[in-house]
């Protein structure tokens, strides 16, 4: 499955290069993209609220119920999930909260487990948090065991060195996931260049695409 990504900043669709808010490219307006994807009956859309990530500011955007919308961007407590569920979001992506507030994370899992997706953003296989500003000493491999014990079955993995770069995915970079794909479904984000690039990846992953879609190196017909 190839999932389109919309990074939202001030109601505009943008892309960041390697998560840098000062390196921002504008591609259009949120409502235009949502209406277009709904017209095409796209099944799943990945949305990141950058103002929530960088400025702890909740967004008042609201979408219809035509698709599955997975929402990420600085979700810090279960009340925010209630807030966005009322705006028709279906899935919620958790990242930094897992490390910064384990008590709240476990509370969210206990209430919304079927609605939760875990995202691990990595730099040289070390997990990053706080909008990629903090590189932890936590190794992806070890933390995966913790998530497996919690019966987490879907993880978004982002190599932040590739995010927004169109440099392409290489099989050897994902070999460390090979022995885990029977335990968990992985969605790869960052670096996808075109459809042929995905065909050449030998593993059964989902993919999130952003700038490759906006720059037409991946055609819309390949979306989920």
Protein backbone atom coordinates (compact mmCIF):
# COMPACT_ATOMS: atom_id res chain seq x y z
CA UNK A 1 0.00 0.00 0.00
CA UNK A 2 1.27 3.46 -0.95
CA UNK A 3 -0.13 6.16 1.34
CA UNK A 4 -0.08 9.87 0.48
CA UNK A 5 1.26 12.21 3.15
CA UNK A 6 0.06 15.74 3.85
CA UNK A 7 2.26 17.85 6.14
CA UNK A 8 0.10 20.77 7.25
CA UNK A 9 1.43 24.16 8.33
CA UNK A 10 -0.95 27.12 8.64
CA UNK A 11 -3.54 25.21 6.55
CA UNK A 12 -1.02 24.77 3.74
CA UNK A 13 0.51 21.57 2.40
CA UNK A 14 4.29 21.75 2.77
CA UNK A 15 7.31 19.47 2.90
CA UNK A 16 10.29 19.78 5.17
CA UNK A 17 13.76 18.61 4.24
CA UNK A 18 15.00 16.33 7.05
CA UNK A 19 12.43 17.81 9.43
CA UNK A 20 13.80 21.35 9.28
CA UNK A 21 11.04 23.98 9.57
CA UNK A 22 13.40 26.54 8.05
CA UNK A 23 13.72 24.39 4.94
CA UNK A 24 10.08 24.37 3.90
CA UNK A 25 8.53 23.93 0.44
CA UNK A 26 4.94 25.02 -0.23
CA UNK A 27 2.80 22.82 -2.49
CA UNK A 28 -0.77 24.02 -2.09
CA UNK A 29 -3.68 24.28 0.33
CA UNK A 30 -4.96 21.56 2.62
CA UNK A 31 -8.60 21.68 1.50
CA UNK A 32 -7.62 21.41 -2.16
CA UNK A 33 -5.64 18.22 -1.55
CA UNK A 34 -8.26 16.64 0.72
CA UNK A 35 -11.06 17.33 -1.75
CA UNK A 36 -8.95 15.97 -4.61
CA UNK A 37 -8.04 12.76 -2.77
CA UNK A 38 -11.65 12.24 -1.72
CA UNK A 39 -12.73 12.65 -5.33
CA UNK A 40 -10.28 9.89 -6.28
CA UNK A 41 -11.55 7.70 -3.41
CA UNK A 42 -8.11 7.36 -1.83
CA UNK A 43 -8.53 4.85 1.01
CA UNK A 44 -5.94 6.14 3.48
CA UNK A 45 -4.25 9.53 4.02
CA UNK A 46 -1.37 10.32 6.36
CA UNK A 47 -1.59 13.79 7.94
CA UNK A 48 1.04 15.55 10.09
CA UNK A 49 0.16 18.75 11.93
CA UNK A 50 3.44 20.64 12.07
CA UNK A 51 2.16 23.42 14.31
CA UNK A 52 1.32 20.81 16.92
CA UNK A 53 4.79 19.29 16.56
CA UNK A 54 6.80 22.51 16.84
CA UNK A 55 4.52 24.88 18.77
CA UNK A 56 2.16 22.57 20.74
CA UNK A 57 -0.75 24.18 18.93
CA UNK A 58 -3.88 22.12 18.24
CA UNK A 59 -5.44 22.50 14.80
CA UNK A 60 -9.12 23.09 14.05
CA UNK A 61 -9.00 21.32 10.69
CA UNK A 62 -11.87 18.93 10.10
CA UNK A 63 -12.22 16.27 7.44
CA UNK A 64 -15.09 14.13 6.19
CA UNK A 65 -15.48 10.39 6.70
CA UNK A 66 -14.70 9.18 3.18
CA UNK A 67 -11.22 7.82 3.97
CA UNK A 68 -9.09 6.53 6.82
CA UNK A 69 -7.10 9.47 8.14
CA UNK A 70 -4.06 8.71 10.27
CA UNK A 71 -2.99 11.73 12.26
CA UNK A 72 0.44 12.48 13.65
CA UNK A 73 2.15 15.51 15.06
CA UNK A 74 2.84 16.02 18.75
CA UNK A 75 -0.02 14.02 20.28
CA UNK A 76 0.72 14.27 24.00
CA UNK A 77 -2.34 12.96 25.84
CA UNK A 78 -5.58 11.03 25.46
CA UNK A 79 -7.66 14.25 25.48
CA UNK A 80 -6.09 15.30 22.18
CA UNK A 81 -7.20 12.02 20.65
CA UNK A 82 -10.77 12.65 21.81
CA UNK A 83 -10.48 16.16 20.33
CA UNK A 84 -9.40 14.90 16.89
CA UNK A 85 -11.79 11.93 16.84
CA UNK A 86 -14.60 14.48 16.88
CA UNK A 87 -13.05 15.93 13.71
CA UNK A 88 -13.35 12.53 12.00
CA UNK A 89 -9.76 11.28 12.31
CA UNK A 90 -9.59 7.48 12.62
CA UNK A 91 -5.99 6.55 13.44
CA UNK A 92 -3.50 8.32 15.70
CA UNK A 93 0.27 8.18 15.45
CA UNK A 94 2.29 8.21 18.65
CA UNK A 95 6.01 8.88 18.82
CA UNK A 96 7.68 11.16 21.38
CA UNK A 97 5.06 10.54 24.07
CA UNK A 98 6.21 6.91 24.27
CA UNK A 99 9.50 8.13 25.73
CA UNK A 100 8.48 11.34 27.48
CA UNK A 101 5.38 10.13 29.30
CA UNK A 102 5.09 6.34 29.48
CA UNK A 103 2.19 6.53 31.94
CA UNK A 104 0.10 8.59 29.50
CA UNK A 105 1.19 6.37 26.61
CA UNK A 106 -0.05 3.25 28.37
CA UNK A 107 -3.29 5.00 29.22
CA UNK A 108 -3.83 5.88 25.55
CA UNK A 109 -3.06 2.30 24.53
CA UNK A 110 -5.56 0.97 27.05
CA UNK A 111 -8.34 3.21 25.70
CA UNK A 112 -7.60 3.49 21.98
CA UNK A 113 -5.40 0.51 21.10
CA UNK A 114 -7.24 -0.28 17.84
CA UNK A 115 -6.77 3.35 16.74
CA UNK A 116 -3.06 3.67 17.53
CA UNK A 117 -0.05 3.53 15.20
CA UNK A 118 3.50 3.76 16.51
CA UNK A 119 6.05 5.86 14.64
CA UNK A 120 9.79 5.49 15.21
CA UNK A 121 11.93 8.17 13.57
CA UNK A 122 15.57 7.17 13.47
CA UNK A 123 18.97 8.67 12.82
CA UNK A 124 21.60 5.97 12.23
CA UNK A 125 19.18 3.53 13.89
CA UNK A 126 18.89 5.66 17.04
CA UNK A 127 15.38 6.87 17.86
CA UNK A 128 14.76 10.62 17.72
CA UNK A 129 12.04 12.58 19.52
CA UNK A 130 10.73 16.15 19.89
CA UNK A 131 10.27 16.75 16.19
CA UNK A 132 13.61 15.01 15.47
CA UNK A 133 15.49 17.60 17.51
CA UNK A 134 16.63 15.11 20.17
CA UNK A 135 18.62 11.99 19.28
CA UNK A 136 18.27 9.42 22.05
CA UNK A 137 20.61 6.55 22.86
CA UNK A 138 17.75 4.11 22.33
CA UNK A 139 18.41 1.55 19.64
CA UNK A 140 15.53 0.63 17.33
CA UNK A 141 16.19 -3.11 17.69
CA UNK A 142 15.91 -3.09 21.48
CA UNK A 143 12.87 -0.85 21.55
CA UNK A 144 11.08 -3.08 19.06
CA UNK A 145 11.07 -5.84 21.69
CA UNK A 146 9.27 -3.50 24.11
CA UNK A 147 6.62 -2.71 21.47
CA UNK A 148 6.27 -6.38 20.58
CA UNK A 149 5.56 -7.17 24.24
CA UNK A 150 2.75 -4.60 24.05
CA UNK A 151 1.37 -6.48 21.03
CA UNK A 152 1.93 -3.53 18.66
CA UNK A 153 1.30 -4.78 15.12
CA UNK A 154 1.94 -1.72 12.94
CA UNK A 155 4.98 0.57 13.03
CA UNK A 156 5.99 3.50 10.84
CA UNK A 157 9.76 3.61 10.40
CA UNK A 158 11.38 6.83 9.15
CA UNK A 159 15.02 7.24 8.29
CA UNK A 160 15.29 10.97 8.88
CA UNK A 161 18.48 11.23 6.85
CA UNK A 162 16.39 10.40 3.79
CA UNK A 163 13.22 12.33 4.56
CA UNK A 164 12.29 14.77 1.79
CA UNK A 165 15.46 14.03 -0.18
CA UNK A 166 14.22 11.80 -3.07
CA UNK A 167 17.43 9.81 -2.74
CA UNK A 168 15.68 6.44 -3.02
CA UNK A 169 15.37 3.34 -0.84
CA UNK A 170 18.02 0.59 -0.86
CA UNK A 171 17.32 -3.00 0.20
CA UNK A 172 20.36 -3.26 2.46
CA UNK A 173 19.15 -0.32 4.56
CA UNK A 174 16.11 -2.36 5.63
CA UNK A 175 17.64 -5.80 6.16
CA UNK A 176 17.40 -5.30 9.93
CA UNK A 177 13.61 -5.44 9.56
CA UNK A 178 13.70 -8.73 7.64
CA UNK A 179 13.42 -10.96 10.71
CA UNK A 180 10.56 -8.86 12.10
CA UNK A 181 8.09 -8.69 9.20
CA UNK A 182 6.32 -11.84 10.43
CA UNK A 183 5.80 -10.23 13.82
CA UNK A 184 4.71 -6.76 12.77
CA UNK A 185 3.66 -4.79 9.69
CA UNK A 186 6.04 -1.95 8.78
CA UNK A 187 5.37 1.24 6.90
CA UNK A 188 8.47 2.97 5.49
CA UNK A 189 8.66 6.75 5.26
CA UNK A 190 11.42 8.94 3.86
CA UNK A 191 13.41 8.84 0.63
CA UNK A 192 11.02 7.17 -1.83
CA UNK A 193 11.91 8.39 -5.30
CA UNK A 194 9.53 6.60 -7.71
CA UNK A 195 7.40 3.49 -8.19
CA UNK A 196 10.27 1.43 -9.62
CA UNK A 197 12.19 2.15 -6.43
CA UNK A 198 9.40 0.42 -4.45
CA UNK A 199 9.22 -2.53 -6.83
CA UNK A 200 12.92 -3.16 -6.23
CA UNK A 201 12.47 -3.34 -2.47
CA UNK A 202 12.17 -7.04 -1.67
CA UNK A 203 10.12 -6.77 1.50
CA UNK A 204 6.38 -6.54 2.07
CA UNK A 205 6.16 -2.99 3.42
CA UNK A 206 3.64 -0.19 3.20
CA UNK A 207 5.04 3.18 2.12
CA UNK A 208 4.28 6.80 2.93
CA UNK A 209 5.08 9.21 0.11
CA UNK A 210 5.16 12.99 0.13
CA UNK A 211 7.53 15.00 -1.99
CA UNK A 212 7.79 12.23 -4.63
CA UNK A 213 4.04 12.63 -5.09
CA UNK A 214 4.11 16.42 -5.21
CA UNK A 215 6.95 16.41 -7.73
CA UNK A 216 5.18 13.76 -9.86
CA UNK A 217 7.92 11.13 -9.64
CA UNK A 218 5.17 8.80 -8.31
CA UNK A 219 1.88 8.79 -10.16
CA UNK A 220 -1.41 9.18 -8.32
CA UNK A 221 -2.74 5.94 -9.84
CA UNK A 222 -0.41 3.97 -7.54
CA UNK A 223 -1.91 5.35 -4.34
CA UNK A 224 -3.98 3.13 -2.03
